[in-house]
Amino acid sequence: MSLYGIILLIILGVILLWVEFLVVPGITIAGIGGVLLIGTGIYLSYDIYGVPTGNYVLLGSLLFMVTSVYFSLKSDTWRRTMLESKLEGKVNTFDIDIVKPGDTGKATTRLAPIGKVEINGVYYDAKSNDNIIDAETDITVVKILSDKLIVKPTN
């Protein structure tokens, strides 16, 4: 195999590794193939051309991989493909005018200790303050946290 063929193997291996890292994350055929191509190219350079040429190919491969990482991450190419939207909303925010401590409702699911309750016709996430509360049990709001209600069974 010629030295150009070995260099081509290494370049294809680096391309497959970039496909692995950027397009198909995880351990897939592209990553394994890339490592095998790079390893084969370096092995063949030592086997066919000897230690000095093998050392040059190994050093050149390392430099090529480092510079390709540097330039591909430095460029604005990836910035154009990134998702830049931000989620600003909140889940389960409670309007103090609708739900207040002392309001009563009904458990729609079993609270063990977290479940769903219905208060004033609206469904909320709730946490049982004491024990397990079965579905269809009347409940009373004890406290309002930022993301859920603390409830107890109505006696």
N, C-alpha and C. Protein backbone atom coordinates (compact mmCIF):
# COMPACT_ATOMS: atom_id res chain seq x y z
N MET A 1 0.85 -1.17 0.00
CA MET A 1 0.00 0.00 0.00
C MET A 1 0.90 1.23 0.00
N SER A 2 0.52 2.22 -0.77
CA SER A 2 1.34 3.42 -0.86
C SER A 2 1.10 4.31 0.36
N LEU A 3 1.99 5.26 0.54
CA LEU A 3 1.89 6.20 1.66
C LEU A 3 0.64 7.07 1.50
N TYR A 4 0.26 7.37 0.27
CA TYR A 4 -0.96 8.14 0.04
C TYR A 4 -2.20 7.36 0.46
N GLY A 5 -2.19 6.07 0.23
CA GLY A 5 -3.31 5.22 0.68
C GLY A 5 -3.41 5.19 2.19
N ILE A 6 -2.27 5.16 2.87
CA ILE A 6 -2.26 5.17 4.33
C ILE A 6 -2.80 6.50 4.85
N ILE A 7 -2.37 7.58 4.25
CA ILE A 7 -2.85 8.91 4.65
C ILE A 7 -4.36 9.03 4.39
N LEU A 8 -4.82 8.47 3.28
CA LEU A 8 -6.25 8.48 2.99
C LEU A 8 -7.04 7.69 4.04
N LEU A 9 -6.50 6.55 4.47
CA LEU A 9 -7.14 5.78 5.54
C LEU A 9 -7.28 6.62 6.82
N ILE A 10 -6.23 7.33 7.17
CA ILE A 10 -6.26 8.14 8.39
C ILE A 10 -7.25 9.29 8.25
N ILE A 11 -7.27 9.94 7.11
CA ILE A 11 -8.22 11.04 6.89
C ILE A 11 -9.66 10.54 6.94
N LEU A 12 -9.93 9.39 6.32
CA LEU A 12 -11.27 8.81 6.39
C LEU A 12 -11.64 8.43 7.82
N GLY A 13 -10.66 7.94 8.58
CA GLY A 13 -10.90 7.61 9.98
C GLY A 13 -11.27 8.83 10.80
N VAL A 14 -10.57 9.94 10.56
CA VAL A 14 -10.89 11.18 11.29
C VAL A 14 -12.27 11.68 10.89
N ILE A 15 -12.61 11.59 9.62
CA ILE A 15 -13.94 12.02 9.18
C ILE A 15 -15.02 11.16 9.84
N LEU A 16 -14.80 9.86 9.92
CA LEU A 16 -15.77 8.99 10.58
C LEU A 16 -15.90 9.32 12.08
N LEU A 17 -14.79 9.66 12.71
CA LEU A 17 -14.86 10.05 14.12
C LEU A 17 -15.66 11.33 14.29
N TRP A 18 -15.50 12.28 13.36
CA TRP A 18 -16.29 13.52 13.45
C TRP A 18 -17.76 13.25 13.22
N VAL A 19 -18.07 12.33 12.32
CA VAL A 19 -19.47 11.94 12.14
C VAL A 19 -20.00 11.34 13.43
N GLU A 20 -19.19 10.53 14.09
CA GLU A 20 -19.57 9.92 15.36
C GLU A 20 -19.83 10.98 16.44
N PHE A 21 -18.95 11.94 16.56
CA PHE A 21 -19.05 12.93 17.63
C PHE A 21 -20.17 13.94 17.39
N LEU A 22 -20.37 14.35 16.15
CA LEU A 22 -21.27 15.47 15.89
C LEU A 22 -22.63 15.08 15.32
N VAL A 23 -22.73 13.96 14.63
CA VAL A 23 -23.98 13.62 13.97
C VAL A 23 -24.67 12.46 14.66
N VAL A 24 -23.95 11.40 14.95
CA VAL A 24 -24.52 10.19 15.53
C VAL A 24 -23.84 9.90 16.85
N PRO A 25 -24.26 10.58 17.94
CA PRO A 25 -23.57 10.35 19.21
C PRO A 25 -23.80 8.95 19.75
N GLY A 26 -22.85 8.49 20.52
CA GLY A 26 -22.91 7.14 21.07
C GLY A 26 -21.81 6.31 20.44
N ILE A 27 -21.79 5.04 20.76
CA ILE A 27 -20.78 4.15 20.18
C ILE A 27 -21.45 3.44 19.01
N THR A 28 -21.11 3.89 17.81
CA THR A 28 -21.73 3.31 16.62
C THR A 28 -20.65 2.82 15.66
N ILE A 29 -21.10 2.36 14.52
CA ILE A 29 -20.20 1.84 13.49
C ILE A 29 -19.23 2.93 13.03
N ALA A 30 -19.69 4.17 12.96
CA ALA A 30 -18.82 5.26 12.48
C ALA A 30 -17.63 5.44 13.42
N GLY A 31 -17.87 5.45 14.71
CA GLY A 31 -16.77 5.63 15.66
C GLY A 31 -15.81 4.47 15.67
N ILE A 32 -16.36 3.27 15.68
CA ILE A 32 -15.50 2.08 15.67
C ILE A 32 -14.72 2.01 14.36
N GLY A 33 -15.41 2.30 13.24
CA GLY A 33 -14.72 2.30 11.94
C GLY A 33 -13.63 3.35 11.87
N GLY A 34 -13.90 4.54 12.43
CA GLY A 34 -12.89 5.60 12.43
C GLY A 34 -11.65 5.20 13.21
N VAL A 35 -11.84 4.63 14.39
CA VAL A 35 -10.69 4.19 15.19
C VAL A 35 -9.93 3.08 14.48
N LEU A 36 -10.66 2.15 13.86
CA LEU A 36 -9.99 1.06 13.14
C LEU A 36 -9.21 1.57 11.93
N LEU A 37 -9.79 2.53 11.19
CA LEU A 37 -9.07 3.07 10.03
C LEU A 37 -7.81 3.82 10.45
N ILE A 38 -7.91 4.62 11.49
CA ILE A 38 -6.72 5.36 11.95
C ILE A 38 -5.68 4.38 12.46
N GLY A 39 -6.10 3.42 13.27
CA GLY A 39 -5.15 2.43 13.79
C GLY A 39 -4.51 1.61 12.69
N THR A 40 -5.31 1.22 11.69
CA THR A 40 -4.76 0.44 10.57
C THR A 40 -3.77 1.26 9.77
N GLY A 41 -4.09 2.53 9.53
CA GLY A 41 -3.18 3.39 8.79
C GLY A 41 -1.84 3.56 9.50
N ILE A 42 -1.89 3.76 10.80
CA ILE A 42 -0.64 3.92 11.57
C ILE A 42 0.13 2.60 11.61
N TYR A 43 -0.58 1.49 11.81
CA TYR A 43 0.08 0.18 11.85
C TYR A 43 0.76 -0.12 10.51
N LEU A 44 0.03 0.14 9.41
CA LEU A 44 0.62 -0.15 8.09
C LEU A 44 1.83 0.72 7.80
N SER A 45 1.82 1.96 8.29
CA SER A 45 2.98 2.81 8.05
C SER A 45 4.21 2.28 8.79
N TYR A 46 4.04 1.77 10.01
CA TYR A 46 5.16 1.15 10.72
C TYR A 46 5.58 -0.15 10.04
N ASP A 47 4.60 -0.96 9.64
CA ASP A 47 4.90 -2.28 9.09
C ASP A 47 5.56 -2.20 7.73
N ILE A 48 5.08 -1.32 6.86
CA ILE A 48 5.60 -1.27 5.49
C ILE A 48 6.82 -0.37 5.38
N TYR A 49 6.80 0.80 6.01
CA TYR A 49 7.84 1.79 5.79
C TYR A 49 8.85 1.91 6.92
N GLY A 50 8.65 1.23 8.03
CA GLY A 50 9.62 1.25 9.11
C GLY A 50 9.28 2.27 10.18
N VAL A 51 10.14 2.28 11.21
CA VAL A 51 9.89 3.10 12.39
C VAL A 51 9.95 4.61 12.10
N PRO A 52 10.95 5.14 11.37
CA PRO A 52 10.96 6.59 11.18
C PRO A 52 9.71 7.11 10.45
N THR A 53 9.33 6.44 9.38
CA THR A 53 8.14 6.88 8.65
C THR A 53 6.88 6.66 9.48
N GLY A 54 6.84 5.56 10.23
CA GLY A 54 5.71 5.31 11.12
C GLY A 54 5.57 6.40 12.18
N ASN A 55 6.71 6.85 12.72
CA ASN A 55 6.67 7.94 13.70
C ASN A 55 6.16 9.23 13.08
N TYR A 56 6.58 9.51 11.85
CA TYR A 56 6.10 10.71 11.16
C TYR A 56 4.59 10.63 10.90
N VAL A 57 4.12 9.47 10.48
CA VAL A 57 2.69 9.29 10.23
C VAL A 57 1.90 9.41 11.54
N LEU A 58 2.42 8.84 12.62
CA LEU A 58 1.76 8.94 13.91
C LEU A 58 1.70 10.39 14.38
N LEU A 59 2.80 11.11 14.29
CA LEU A 59 2.84 12.51 14.68
C LEU A 59 1.92 13.35 13.79
N GLY A 60 1.97 13.08 12.49
CA GLY A 60 1.10 13.81 11.56
C GLY A 60 -0.37 13.52 11.84
N SER A 61 -0.69 12.28 12.17
CA SER A 61 -2.08 11.94 12.50
C SER A 61 -2.55 12.69 13.73
N LEU A 62 -1.72 12.72 14.76
CA LEU A 62 -2.08 13.43 15.98
C LEU A 62 -2.25 14.92 15.72
N LEU A 63 -1.33 15.52 14.96
CA LEU A 63 -1.45 16.94 14.63
C LEU A 63 -2.70 17.22 13.81
N PHE A 64 -3.00 16.34 12.86
CA PHE A 64 -4.19 16.52 12.03
C PHE A 64 -5.45 16.45 12.87
N MET A 65 -5.52 15.50 13.80
CA MET A 65 -6.70 15.38 14.65
C MET A 65 -6.86 16.59 15.57
N VAL A 66 -5.77 17.05 16.16
CA VAL A 66 -5.84 18.20 17.07
C VAL A 66 -6.22 19.47 16.30
N THR A 67 -5.61 19.70 15.15
CA THR A 67 -5.95 20.92 14.39
C THR A 67 -7.37 20.85 13.84
N SER A 68 -7.82 19.67 13.45
CA SER A 68 -9.20 19.58 12.94
C SER A 68 -10.19 19.84 14.07
N VAL A 69 -9.90 19.38 15.27
CA VAL A 69 -10.76 19.68 16.42
C VAL A 69 -10.74 21.18 16.69
N TYR A 70 -9.58 21.77 16.70
CA TYR A 70 -9.45 23.20 17.00
C TYR A 70 -10.22 24.05 16.00
N PHE A 71 -10.00 23.82 14.71
CA PHE A 71 -10.64 24.67 13.71
C PHE A 71 -12.14 24.40 13.57
N SER A 72 -12.56 23.18 13.77
CA SER A 72 -13.99 22.92 13.63
C SER A 72 -14.77 23.47 14.82
N LEU A 73 -14.19 23.46 16.00
CA LEU A 73 -14.88 24.01 17.16
C LEU A 73 -14.73 25.52 17.25
N LYS A 74 -13.68 26.07 16.66
CA LYS A 74 -13.46 27.51 16.69
C LYS A 74 -14.37 28.24 15.70
N SER A 75 -14.66 27.61 14.60
CA SER A 75 -15.41 28.29 13.55
C SER A 75 -16.86 28.49 13.97
N ASP A 76 -17.55 29.38 13.29
CA ASP A 76 -18.94 29.67 13.58
C ASP A 76 -19.89 28.71 12.87
N THR A 77 -19.35 27.68 12.25
CA THR A 77 -20.19 26.73 11.52
C THR A 77 -21.19 26.08 12.45
N TRP A 78 -20.75 25.67 13.60
CA TRP A 78 -21.63 24.94 14.53
C TRP A 78 -22.61 25.90 15.20
N ARG A 79 -22.25 27.14 15.33
CA ARG A 79 -23.14 28.11 15.95
C ARG A 79 -24.42 28.28 15.12
N ARG A 80 -24.30 28.16 13.80
CA ARG A 80 -25.47 28.30 12.94
C ARG A 80 -26.42 27.11 13.06
N THR A 81 -25.90 25.96 13.45
CA THR A 81 -26.74 24.77 13.55
C THR A 81 -27.29 24.55 14.96
N MET A 82 -26.83 25.33 15.93
CA MET A 82 -27.27 25.14 17.31
C MET A 82 -28.66 25.72 17.53
N LEU A 83 -29.37 25.12 18.46
CA LEU A 83 -30.67 25.63 18.87
C LEU A 83 -30.44 26.74 19.88
N GLU A 84 -30.97 27.92 19.61
CA GLU A 84 -30.71 29.06 20.47
C GLU A 84 -31.95 29.55 21.21
N SER A 85 -33.07 28.87 21.07
CA SER A 85 -34.26 29.33 21.78
C SER A 85 -34.15 28.99 23.25
N LYS A 86 -34.78 29.81 24.08
CA LYS A 86 -34.74 29.61 25.52
C LYS A 86 -36.16 29.39 26.02
N LEU A 87 -36.28 28.50 26.97
CA LEU A 87 -37.57 28.28 27.60
C LEU A 87 -37.64 29.16 28.83
N GLU A 88 -38.60 30.04 28.86
CA GLU A 88 -38.72 31.00 29.94
C GLU A 88 -39.93 30.73 30.83
N GLY A 89 -40.81 29.84 30.42
CA GLY A 89 -42.04 29.60 31.17
C GLY A 89 -41.79 28.75 32.40
N LYS A 90 -42.79 28.70 33.27
CA LYS A 90 -42.73 27.88 34.48
C LYS A 90 -43.88 26.91 34.46
N VAL A 91 -43.67 25.77 35.05
CA VAL A 91 -44.69 24.74 35.15
C VAL A 91 -45.32 24.81 36.53
N ASN A 92 -46.63 24.60 36.57
CA ASN A 92 -47.36 24.55 37.83
C ASN A 92 -47.16 25.79 38.68
N THR A 93 -47.29 26.94 38.10
CA THR A 93 -47.28 28.15 38.92
C THR A 93 -48.70 28.35 39.44
N PHE A 94 -48.80 28.77 40.67
CA PHE A 94 -50.09 28.87 41.32
C PHE A 94 -50.49 30.32 41.46
N ASP A 95 -51.70 30.62 41.01
CA ASP A 95 -52.26 31.95 41.20
C ASP A 95 -52.86 32.00 42.60
N ILE A 96 -52.35 32.88 43.44
CA ILE A 96 -52.76 32.96 44.84
C ILE A 96 -54.24 33.31 44.98
N ASP A 97 -54.83 33.89 43.91
CA ASP A 97 -56.26 34.20 43.96
C ASP A 97 -57.12 32.97 43.71
N ILE A 98 -56.56 31.95 43.04
CA ILE A 98 -57.33 30.75 42.72
C ILE A 98 -57.18 29.70 43.81
N VAL A 99 -55.95 29.44 44.25
CA VAL A 99 -55.69 28.41 45.26
C VAL A 99 -55.10 29.07 46.49
N LYS A 100 -55.68 28.76 47.65
CA LYS A 100 -55.20 29.31 48.92
C LYS A 100 -55.13 28.18 49.93
N PRO A 101 -54.27 28.31 50.92
CA PRO A 101 -54.30 27.32 52.01
C PRO A 101 -55.69 27.29 52.65
N GLY A 102 -56.19 26.10 52.88
CA GLY A 102 -57.52 25.93 53.44
C GLY A 102 -58.55 25.54 52.40
N ASP A 103 -58.23 25.71 51.10
CA ASP A 103 -59.17 25.29 50.05
C ASP A 103 -59.31 23.77 50.07
N THR A 104 -60.48 23.31 49.69
CA THR A 104 -60.72 21.87 49.66
C THR A 104 -60.91 21.41 48.22
N GLY A 105 -60.67 20.14 48.03
CA GLY A 105 -60.83 19.54 46.71
C GLY A 105 -60.87 18.05 46.83
N LYS A 106 -60.49 17.37 45.75
CA LYS A 106 -60.56 15.91 45.71
C LYS A 106 -59.29 15.38 45.06
N ALA A 107 -58.75 14.30 45.61
CA ALA A 107 -57.59 13.63 45.01
C ALA A 107 -58.07 12.87 43.79
N THR A 108 -57.49 13.16 42.63
CA THR A 108 -57.90 12.46 41.41
C THR A 108 -57.06 11.22 41.17
N THR A 109 -55.85 11.19 41.70
CA THR A 109 -55.01 10.00 41.66
C THR A 109 -54.55 9.72 43.09
N ARG A 110 -53.95 8.59 43.27
CA ARG A 110 -53.42 8.24 44.59
C ARG A 110 -52.19 9.10 44.86
N LEU A 111 -52.15 9.70 46.03
CA LEU A 111 -50.99 10.50 46.44
C LEU A 111 -50.10 9.61 47.30
N ALA A 112 -49.01 9.14 46.73
CA ALA A 112 -48.11 8.23 47.44
C ALA A 112 -46.67 8.65 47.28
N PRO A 113 -46.17 9.72 47.76
CA PRO A 113 -46.85 10.85 48.36
C PRO A 113 -47.23 11.93 47.35
N ILE A 114 -46.87 11.75 46.05
CA ILE A 114 -47.17 12.79 45.06
C ILE A 114 -48.22 12.27 44.09
N GLY A 115 -49.14 13.13 43.70
CA GLY A 115 -50.18 12.76 42.76
C GLY A 115 -50.91 13.99 42.26
N LYS A 116 -52.09 13.79 41.70
CA LYS A 116 -52.89 14.89 41.15
C LYS A 116 -54.12 15.12 42.02
N VAL A 117 -54.46 16.40 42.17
CA VAL A 117 -55.67 16.78 42.89
C VAL A 117 -56.45 17.77 42.04
N GLU A 118 -57.76 17.85 42.32
CA GLU A 118 -58.61 18.82 41.64
C GLU A 118 -59.13 19.79 42.69
N ILE A 119 -58.84 21.08 42.48
CA ILE A 119 -59.30 22.12 43.39
C ILE A 119 -59.93 23.21 42.54
N ASN A 120 -61.17 23.55 42.85
CA ASN A 120 -61.91 24.59 42.12
C ASN A 120 -61.97 24.31 40.62
N GLY A 121 -62.05 23.03 40.25
CA GLY A 121 -62.16 22.65 38.85
C GLY A 121 -60.85 22.65 38.08
N VAL A 122 -59.71 22.85 38.76
CA VAL A 122 -58.40 22.87 38.10
C VAL A 122 -57.55 21.75 38.70
N TYR A 123 -56.77 21.06 37.85
CA TYR A 123 -55.92 19.96 38.30
C TYR A 123 -54.53 20.49 38.65
N TYR A 124 -53.97 20.00 39.75
CA TYR A 124 -52.64 20.41 40.22
C TYR A 124 -51.86 19.20 40.67
N ASP A 125 -50.52 19.34 40.65
CA ASP A 125 -49.66 18.36 41.30
C ASP A 125 -49.68 18.65 42.78
N ALA A 126 -49.76 17.60 43.59
CA ALA A 126 -49.83 17.80 45.03
C ALA A 126 -49.01 16.73 45.73
N LYS A 127 -48.63 17.04 46.95
CA LYS A 127 -47.87 16.12 47.78
C LYS A 127 -48.62 15.93 49.09
N SER A 128 -48.69 14.69 49.50
CA SER A 128 -49.35 14.39 50.76
C SER A 128 -48.42 14.75 51.90
N ASN A 129 -48.96 15.41 52.90
CA ASN A 129 -48.16 15.83 54.04
C ASN A 129 -47.95 14.67 55.02
N ASP A 130 -48.90 13.76 55.05
CA ASP A 130 -48.84 12.67 56.03
C ASP A 130 -48.56 11.35 55.34
N ASN A 131 -49.62 10.59 55.13
CA ASN A 131 -49.49 9.25 54.57
C ASN A 131 -50.00 9.23 53.15
N ILE A 132 -50.24 8.03 52.68
CA ILE A 132 -50.79 7.84 51.35
C ILE A 132 -52.26 8.25 51.37
N ILE A 133 -52.67 9.00 50.36
CA ILE A 133 -54.06 9.42 50.21
C ILE A 133 -54.60 8.74 48.96
N ASP A 134 -55.68 7.99 49.12
CA ASP A 134 -56.27 7.28 47.99
C ASP A 134 -57.01 8.24 47.07
N ALA A 135 -57.22 7.80 45.83
CA ALA A 135 -57.98 8.59 44.86
C ALA A 135 -59.40 8.77 45.36
N GLU A 136 -60.03 9.85 44.94
CA GLU A 136 -61.41 10.21 45.29
C GLU A 136 -61.58 10.55 46.77
N THR A 137 -60.48 10.86 47.46
CA THR A 137 -60.55 11.28 48.86
C THR A 137 -60.59 12.80 48.90
N ASP A 138 -61.44 13.33 49.81
CA ASP A 138 -61.48 14.79 49.98
C ASP A 138 -60.20 15.25 50.64
N ILE A 139 -59.65 16.37 50.14
CA ILE A 139 -58.37 16.89 50.65
C ILE A 139 -58.52 18.36 50.98
N THR A 140 -57.57 18.85 51.79
CA THR A 140 -57.48 20.27 52.13
C THR A 140 -56.07 20.74 51.87
N VAL A 141 -55.92 21.93 51.28
CA VAL A 141 -54.60 22.50 50.99
C VAL A 141 -54.00 23.01 52.30
N VAL A 142 -52.78 22.54 52.60
CA VAL A 142 -52.08 22.98 53.81
C VAL A 142 -51.13 24.12 53.50
N LYS A 143 -50.35 23.94 52.41
CA LYS A 143 -49.33 24.92 52.06
C LYS A 143 -49.15 24.93 50.55
N ILE A 144 -48.69 26.07 50.02
CA ILE A 144 -48.41 26.20 48.59
C ILE A 144 -46.91 26.38 48.41
N LEU A 145 -46.28 25.43 47.69
CA LEU A 145 -44.86 25.56 47.33
C LEU A 145 -44.77 26.13 45.93
N SER A 146 -43.55 26.33 45.46
CA SER A 146 -43.38 26.93 44.14
C SER A 146 -43.86 26.01 43.02
N ASP A 147 -43.80 24.69 43.21
CA ASP A 147 -44.16 23.80 42.12
C ASP A 147 -45.26 22.80 42.46
N LYS A 148 -45.71 22.74 43.72
CA LYS A 148 -46.77 21.82 44.06
C LYS A 148 -47.48 22.26 45.32
N LEU A 149 -48.62 21.62 45.56
CA LEU A 149 -49.40 21.90 46.75
C LEU A 149 -49.12 20.84 47.80
N ILE A 150 -49.13 21.24 49.05
CA ILE A 150 -49.05 20.27 50.14
C ILE A 150 -50.47 20.11 50.66
N VAL A 151 -50.97 18.87 50.69
CA VAL A 151 -52.36 18.63 51.07
C VAL A 151 -52.44 17.57 52.16
N LYS A 152 -53.59 17.53 52.82
CA LYS A 152 -53.88 16.49 53.81
C LYS A 152 -55.33 16.06 53.61
N PRO A 153 -55.67 14.85 54.08
CA PRO A 153 -57.06 14.43 53.96
C PRO A 153 -57.97 15.29 54.82
N THR A 154 -59.17 15.57 54.33
CA THR A 154 -60.14 16.33 55.10
C THR A 154 -60.83 15.39 56.06
N ASN A 155 -60.89 15.78 57.32
CA ASN A 155 -61.53 14.92 58.32
C ASN A 155 -62.95 15.31 58.54
